[in-house]
Amino acid sequence: MNVREPDWAYVARSLLKVLAVTAALYLAFIVTDRVLRSVIDSGDERTALVYGTAARVANPDKRLVDGHGDAGWLLNTTYTLKGEPRRAGASEGWKE
């Protein structure tokens, strides 16, 4: 078996290339995010409403209210939905 010592200069160059590409992609993502936010109306409240409706359909045993978005950037946007379990009993009743 031919075991050689690693060429540390080659390892350092490779690591610098990986870091440079990662930094370039991160900066490109930030610029793209800012351009998209300025050009396209993101409609966070509309998206929160759609997600809230989907959550209500998927969880019929829960009473879900007060959905809203937080206006983060593309990978960091969250939607909050508050809710509680539905209670069985006479107090639930029929609603028109």
Protein backbone atom coordinates (compact mmCIF):
# COMPACT_ATOMS: atom_id res chain seq x y z
CA MET A 1 0.00 0.00 0.00
CA ASN A 2 1.35 3.37 -1.00
CA VAL A 3 0.44 5.89 1.71
CA ARG A 4 1.51 9.46 1.02
CA GLU A 5 1.49 12.52 3.18
CA PRO A 6 -1.16 15.05 2.10
CA ASP A 7 0.08 18.11 0.27
CA TRP A 8 -0.99 20.77 2.77
CA ALA A 9 -0.65 23.58 0.25
CA TYR A 10 -3.15 21.78 -2.01
CA VAL A 11 -5.49 21.22 0.95
CA ALA A 12 -5.29 24.93 1.87
CA ARG A 13 -5.98 26.01 -1.74
CA SER A 14 -8.94 23.67 -1.97
CA LEU A 15 -10.35 24.97 1.32
CA LEU A 16 -9.96 28.58 0.16
CA LYS A 17 -11.76 27.76 -3.10
CA VAL A 18 -14.65 26.18 -1.21
CA LEU A 19 -14.89 29.18 1.14
CA ALA A 20 -14.76 31.64 -1.77
CA VAL A 21 -17.53 29.84 -3.67
CA THR A 22 -19.64 29.63 -0.50
CA ALA A 23 -19.23 33.36 0.19
CA ALA A 24 -20.04 34.21 -3.44
CA LEU A 25 -23.22 32.10 -3.36
CA TYR A 26 -24.27 33.66 -0.05
CA LEU A 27 -23.78 37.19 -1.38
CA ALA A 28 -25.63 36.32 -4.60
CA PHE A 29 -28.52 34.97 -2.53
CA ILE A 30 -28.69 38.13 -0.41
CA VAL A 31 -28.68 40.37 -3.51
CA THR A 32 -31.35 38.21 -5.19
CA ASP A 33 -33.49 38.33 -2.06
CA ARG A 34 -33.31 42.12 -1.83
CA VAL A 35 -34.09 42.56 -5.53
CA LEU A 36 -37.06 40.21 -5.32
CA ARG A 37 -38.40 41.96 -2.21
CA SER A 38 -38.21 45.35 -3.93
CA VAL A 39 -39.72 44.17 -7.23
CA ILE A 40 -42.29 41.57 -6.17
CA ASP A 41 -44.91 42.11 -3.48
CA SER A 42 -44.36 39.08 -1.27
CA GLY A 43 -47.90 39.11 0.15
CA ASP A 44 -46.95 37.72 3.57
CA GLU A 45 -50.46 38.20 4.95
CA ARG A 46 -51.99 36.42 1.96
CA THR A 47 -49.56 33.52 2.32
CA ALA A 48 -50.28 33.34 6.05
CA LEU A 49 -54.00 33.21 5.26
CA VAL A 50 -53.47 30.34 2.78
CA TYR A 51 -51.27 28.42 5.25
CA GLY A 52 -53.87 29.00 7.98
CA THR A 53 -56.64 27.61 5.79
CA ALA A 54 -54.52 24.57 4.94
CA ALA A 55 -53.77 24.01 8.64
CA ARG A 56 -57.48 24.25 9.50
CA VAL A 57 -58.32 21.67 6.82
CA ALA A 58 -55.52 19.34 7.98
CA ASN A 59 -56.41 19.74 11.70
CA PRO A 60 -60.20 19.75 12.04
CA ASP A 61 -59.91 18.87 15.73
CA LYS A 62 -58.23 22.21 16.53
CA ARG A 63 -59.61 25.76 16.65
CA LEU A 64 -56.92 27.80 14.88
CA VAL A 65 -56.96 31.62 14.90
CA ASP A 66 -54.72 34.65 14.42
CA GLY A 67 -52.34 33.66 11.63
CA HIS A 68 -49.66 36.13 10.58
CA GLY A 69 -46.26 36.25 8.85
CA ASP A 70 -43.06 37.85 10.12
CA ALA A 71 -41.63 39.46 6.92
CA GLY A 72 -38.27 37.72 7.08
CA TRP A 73 -36.19 36.97 4.02
CA LEU A 74 -36.72 34.04 1.67
CA LEU A 75 -35.36 31.20 3.81
CA ASN A 76 -36.19 32.81 7.13
CA THR A 77 -39.89 33.64 6.80
CA THR A 78 -42.14 32.08 9.43
CA TYR A 79 -45.90 32.00 9.81
CA THR A 80 -47.45 31.88 13.27
CA LEU A 81 -50.83 30.31 13.91
CA LYS A 82 -52.33 30.20 17.40
CA GLY A 83 -54.88 27.60 18.35
CA GLU A 84 -56.44 25.33 20.92
CA PRO A 85 -58.08 21.91 20.87
CA ARG A 86 -61.82 21.83 20.22
CA ARG A 87 -63.89 20.76 23.18
CA ALA A 88 -66.70 18.30 22.91
CA GLY A 89 -69.96 19.06 24.60
CA ALA A 90 -73.13 21.10 24.53
CA SER A 91 -71.28 24.42 24.47
CA GLU A 92 -70.06 23.75 20.94
CA GLY A 93 -73.60 23.69 19.47
CA TRP A 94 -74.68 24.43 15.92
CA LYS A 95 -73.60 27.59 14.18
CA GLU A 96 -75.24 29.16 11.19
